[in-house]
Protein backbone atom coordinates (compact mmCIF):
# COMPACT_ATOMS: atom_id res chain seq x y z
CA UNK A 1 0.00 0.00 0.00
CA UNK A 2 2.85 2.39 0.73
CA UNK A 3 4.36 1.79 -2.71
CA UNK A 4 0.96 2.45 -4.32
CA UNK A 5 0.75 5.65 -2.31
CA UNK A 6 4.18 6.77 -3.52
CA UNK A 7 3.21 6.13 -7.15
CA UNK A 8 0.12 8.32 -6.79
CA UNK A 9 2.11 11.29 -5.56
CA UNK A 10 3.10 13.68 -8.30
CA UNK A 11 6.73 14.63 -8.59
CA UNK A 12 7.30 18.27 -7.81
CA UNK A 13 3.95 18.64 -6.03
CA UNK A 14 3.04 18.52 -2.38
CA UNK A 15 2.55 15.25 -0.51
CA UNK A 16 0.10 15.30 2.40
CA UNK A 17 -0.76 12.58 4.88
CA UNK A 18 -3.24 13.12 7.70
CA UNK A 19 -3.68 10.36 10.26
CA UNK A 20 -6.08 10.33 13.21
CA UNK A 21 -6.25 7.37 15.53
CA UNK A 22 -3.91 5.48 17.76
CA UNK A 23 -0.20 5.94 17.60
CA UNK A 24 2.23 4.07 19.78
CA UNK A 25 5.88 4.77 20.37
CA UNK A 26 7.64 1.45 20.86
CA UNK A 27 11.42 1.09 21.00
CA UNK A 28 11.79 4.59 19.52
CA UNK A 29 9.53 3.85 16.52
CA UNK A 30 6.13 5.50 16.02
CA UNK A 31 3.56 2.96 14.88
CA UNK A 32 0.29 4.20 13.39
CA UNK A 33 -2.45 1.72 14.14
CA UNK A 34 -5.18 1.12 11.52
CA UNK A 35 -8.72 1.16 12.89
CA UNK A 36 -9.42 -2.53 12.34
CA UNK A 37 -6.00 -3.81 13.44
CA UNK A 38 -6.19 -6.48 16.16
CA UNK A 39 -3.36 -5.00 18.21
CA UNK A 40 -3.40 -6.44 21.71
CA UNK A 41 0.28 -6.74 22.55
CA UNK A 42 3.57 -5.24 21.50
CA UNK A 43 4.37 -8.01 19.00
CA UNK A 44 1.22 -7.07 17.04
CA UNK A 45 2.65 -3.60 16.38
CA UNK A 46 5.19 -4.88 13.85
CA UNK A 47 2.59 -7.07 12.14
CA UNK A 48 -0.25 -4.53 11.89
CA UNK A 49 1.17 -1.08 12.68
CA UNK A 50 2.62 1.24 10.06
CA UNK A 51 5.88 2.94 11.06
CA UNK A 52 5.52 6.69 10.51
CA UNK A 53 9.10 6.75 9.22
CA UNK A 54 8.11 4.41 6.36
CA UNK A 55 5.47 6.90 5.22
CA UNK A 56 8.01 9.73 5.19
CA UNK A 57 10.49 7.64 3.22
CA UNK A 58 7.88 6.75 0.57
CA UNK A 59 6.93 10.41 0.28
CA UNK A 60 10.59 11.39 -0.10
CA UNK A 61 11.05 8.77 -2.83
CA UNK A 62 8.20 10.39 -4.80
CA UNK A 63 10.32 13.54 -5.21
CA UNK A 64 7.80 16.11 -4.01
CA UNK A 65 8.80 19.69 -3.39
CA UNK A 66 7.13 19.50 0.04
CA UNK A 67 5.89 16.65 2.21
CA UNK A 68 3.52 17.26 5.12
CA UNK A 69 2.56 14.59 7.65
CA UNK A 70 -0.10 15.47 10.23
CA UNK A 71 -0.40 13.03 13.14
CA UNK A 72 -3.39 13.33 15.43
CA UNK A 73 -2.25 10.15 17.12
CA UNK A 74 -0.47 11.14 20.32
CA UNK A 75 -2.76 9.23 22.62
CA UNK A 76 -2.02 6.95 25.52
CA UNK A 77 -0.94 3.44 24.67
CA UNK A 78 -4.14 1.38 24.13
CA UNK A 79 -2.42 -1.96 24.78
CA UNK A 80 -3.69 -3.80 27.84
CA UNK A 81 -0.20 -4.62 29.08
CA UNK A 82 1.97 -1.52 29.02
CA UNK A 83 5.67 -2.18 29.04
CA UNK A 84 8.51 0.24 29.55
CA UNK A 85 9.36 0.22 25.85
CA UNK A 86 5.88 1.53 24.94
CA UNK A 87 5.94 5.21 25.90
CA UNK A 88 3.31 7.90 26.20
CA UNK A 89 3.13 10.21 23.17
CA UNK A 90 5.07 9.82 19.94
CA UNK A 91 8.79 10.05 19.32
CA UNK A 92 10.28 12.73 17.10
CA UNK A 93 10.47 11.41 13.53
CA UNK A 94 13.55 12.27 11.48
CA UNK A 95 12.81 13.36 7.94
CA UNK A 96 14.74 11.60 5.16
CA UNK A 97 17.70 13.50 3.69
CA UNK A 98 16.19 13.43 0.20
CA UNK A 99 13.19 15.55 1.13
CA UNK A 100 13.37 19.07 -0.32
CA UNK A 101 10.94 20.44 2.24
CA UNK A 102 9.06 18.69 5.01
CA UNK A 103 6.82 19.20 7.99
CA UNK A 104 5.75 16.66 10.57
CA UNK A 105 2.95 18.04 12.70
CA UNK A 106 1.95 16.37 15.95
CA UNK A 107 -1.32 16.94 17.78
CA UNK A 108 0.64 17.10 21.04
CA UNK A 109 4.20 17.71 22.14
CA UNK A 110 6.62 14.92 23.06
CA UNK A 111 5.30 12.92 26.01
CA UNK A 112 1.85 14.52 25.86
CA UNK A 113 -1.42 12.80 25.02
CA UNK A 114 -3.92 14.35 22.60
CA UNK A 115 -7.27 15.11 24.17
CA UNK A 116 -10.48 13.99 22.53
CA UNK A 117 -13.18 16.44 21.57
CA UNK A 118 -16.90 16.12 22.18
CA UNK A 119 -18.54 12.71 21.62
CA UNK A 120 -19.15 12.15 17.92
CA UNK A 121 -17.00 15.14 16.97
CA UNK A 122 -13.42 15.78 16.03
CA UNK A 123 -10.60 15.82 18.53
CA UNK A 124 -9.50 19.19 19.88
CA UNK A 125 -6.47 19.32 17.56
CA UNK A 126 -8.37 18.35 14.42
CA UNK A 127 -11.17 20.83 15.14
CA UNK A 128 -8.59 23.61 15.56
CA UNK A 129 -6.78 22.51 12.39
CA UNK A 130 -9.97 22.51 10.31
CA UNK A 131 -10.89 25.93 11.66
CA UNK A 132 -7.48 27.36 10.70
CA UNK A 133 -7.58 25.74 7.25
CA UNK A 134 -10.90 27.47 6.57
CA UNK A 135 -9.13 30.82 6.42
CA UNK A 136 -7.61 31.47 2.99
CA UNK A 137 -4.11 32.87 2.64
CA UNK A 138 -2.53 31.41 5.78
CA UNK A 139 0.91 29.88 5.44
CA UNK A 140 1.70 26.52 7.02
CA UNK A 141 3.52 28.35 9.83
CA UNK A 142 0.54 30.64 10.47
CA UNK A 143 -1.84 27.66 10.50
CA UNK A 144 0.33 25.94 13.13
CA UNK A 145 0.54 29.10 15.25
CA UNK A 146 -3.24 29.41 15.30
CA UNK A 147 -3.77 25.71 15.98
CA UNK A 148 -1.26 25.73 18.84
CA UNK A 149 -2.84 28.79 20.44
CA UNK A 150 -6.35 27.35 20.07
CA UNK A 151 -5.50 23.87 21.41
CA UNK A 152 -3.39 25.17 24.30
CA UNK A 153 -6.22 27.50 25.29
CA UNK A 154 -8.90 24.80 25.15
CA UNK A 155 -6.81 22.34 27.17
CA UNK A 156 -5.37 24.77 29.75
CA UNK A 157 -1.90 24.04 28.25
CA UNK A 158 -2.14 20.28 28.87
CA UNK A 159 -1.77 19.80 25.13
CA UNK A 160 0.42 21.88 22.85
CA UNK A 161 0.72 20.84 19.20
CA UNK A 162 4.29 20.47 18.06
CA UNK A 163 5.93 20.43 14.67
CA UNK A 164 9.25 19.73 13.06
CA UNK A 165 9.60 21.58 9.78
CA UNK A 166 12.25 22.36 7.21
CA UNK A 167 10.61 24.65 4.71
CA UNK A 168 12.28 26.30 1.75
CA UNK A 169 9.58 28.92 1.42
CA UNK A 170 6.04 29.81 2.37
CA UNK A 171 3.40 27.17 1.70
CA UNK A 172 -0.26 28.23 1.60
CA UNK A 173 -3.03 25.61 1.89
CA UNK A 174 -5.71 27.84 0.35
CA UNK A 175 -4.91 30.89 -1.74
CA UNK A 176 -6.84 34.05 -1.03
CA UNK A 177 -9.49 34.54 -3.66
CA UNK A 178 -9.51 37.88 -5.35
CA UNK A 179 -12.29 40.11 -4.18
CA UNK A 180 -13.80 41.93 -7.08
CA UNK A 181 -15.86 44.98 -6.32
CA UNK A 182 -17.90 46.69 -8.91
CA UNK A 183 -18.68 50.39 -8.99
CA UNK A 184 -22.21 51.40 -9.78
CA UNK A 185 -22.52 52.65 -13.32
CA UNK A 186 -22.54 56.42 -13.64
CA UNK A 187 -25.85 57.80 -14.74
């Protein structure tokens, strides 16, 4: 599936992965856990989990100008038997050397857990992200500043989104649309 994903990315474009769900840091590796994965113990992580680093490497191999990975997965370890090697939060992911520009955005800082939102709704981080993305013209850095401020405020600083970025320029998710005003015709 990762190879198929890489082939679908266009060279020179922007690669974007958004993941919401469980993420477990085990032996220094961040595993993203698919919804239906029967993960009950640490050994299941390698069989069913997807290492976040593998996603970054596939994106880098596609040759995009910018790769963005958004992880709303910094929750407590859902495994019934928690061992010392399974830590709270996600580890910092190193970006491959071949990436021209990259950003890895975490819903919570190292060692923090992401808080859920209202029942049936988005988590606090995702709700803040969607709200920021609704505003045209914001750069990636401005989006993250707004999201961090919003999430920290709503969680009394228990959760502070965190990012690791190496950007060669400003990236805008949604361009500002031109506002055209018309003057009434002179009579």
